[in-house]
Amino acid sequence: DAPGSMHDSATFNGTALCTLLNQGRLPLDYHVAGDGAYTESDFMWTPFPEPRNGSLSQSKDTFNWIHSTHRQNVERAFGMLMGRWLVLETPLQIPHIQVHAVFTACCRLQNICITRQQEAAADEL
């Protein structure tokens, strides 16, 4: 399957990170926030589903709200990357093994841009 043609959960299941987490080879305080399509596990935290009759308890509703805000931050970060680095707007036409290098380069360049914008703003004060 081409990158982008599978659901995020299927893609994640094939990553080295998922393998390490499943093997218990990373500290127990590592967690991944997945949406309802992911299978919950010790490291994969998913929202509580809405019950068919009734509503969630206050604690479950609060968990879902916090979980959602964290996922929104991650989605916003990906949106910022895609908005600045046009190479990410369309499926990459490169070998799958090179996708990591391209994405890492975009992340590093994004961090440099953010740092320089913050420095420029501080200079204006």
Foldseek 3Di string as FASTA:
>chain_A
DAPPPDDPQVVVCPDPVVVCVVVVVDDLPAADEDEPVHDDDSRYDYQDDADPPDGDDPVSVVVNVVSVVVVVVVVVVVVVLCVVPVCPVDRHPDPPVCPVVVVVVSVVVVVVVVVVVVVVVVVVD
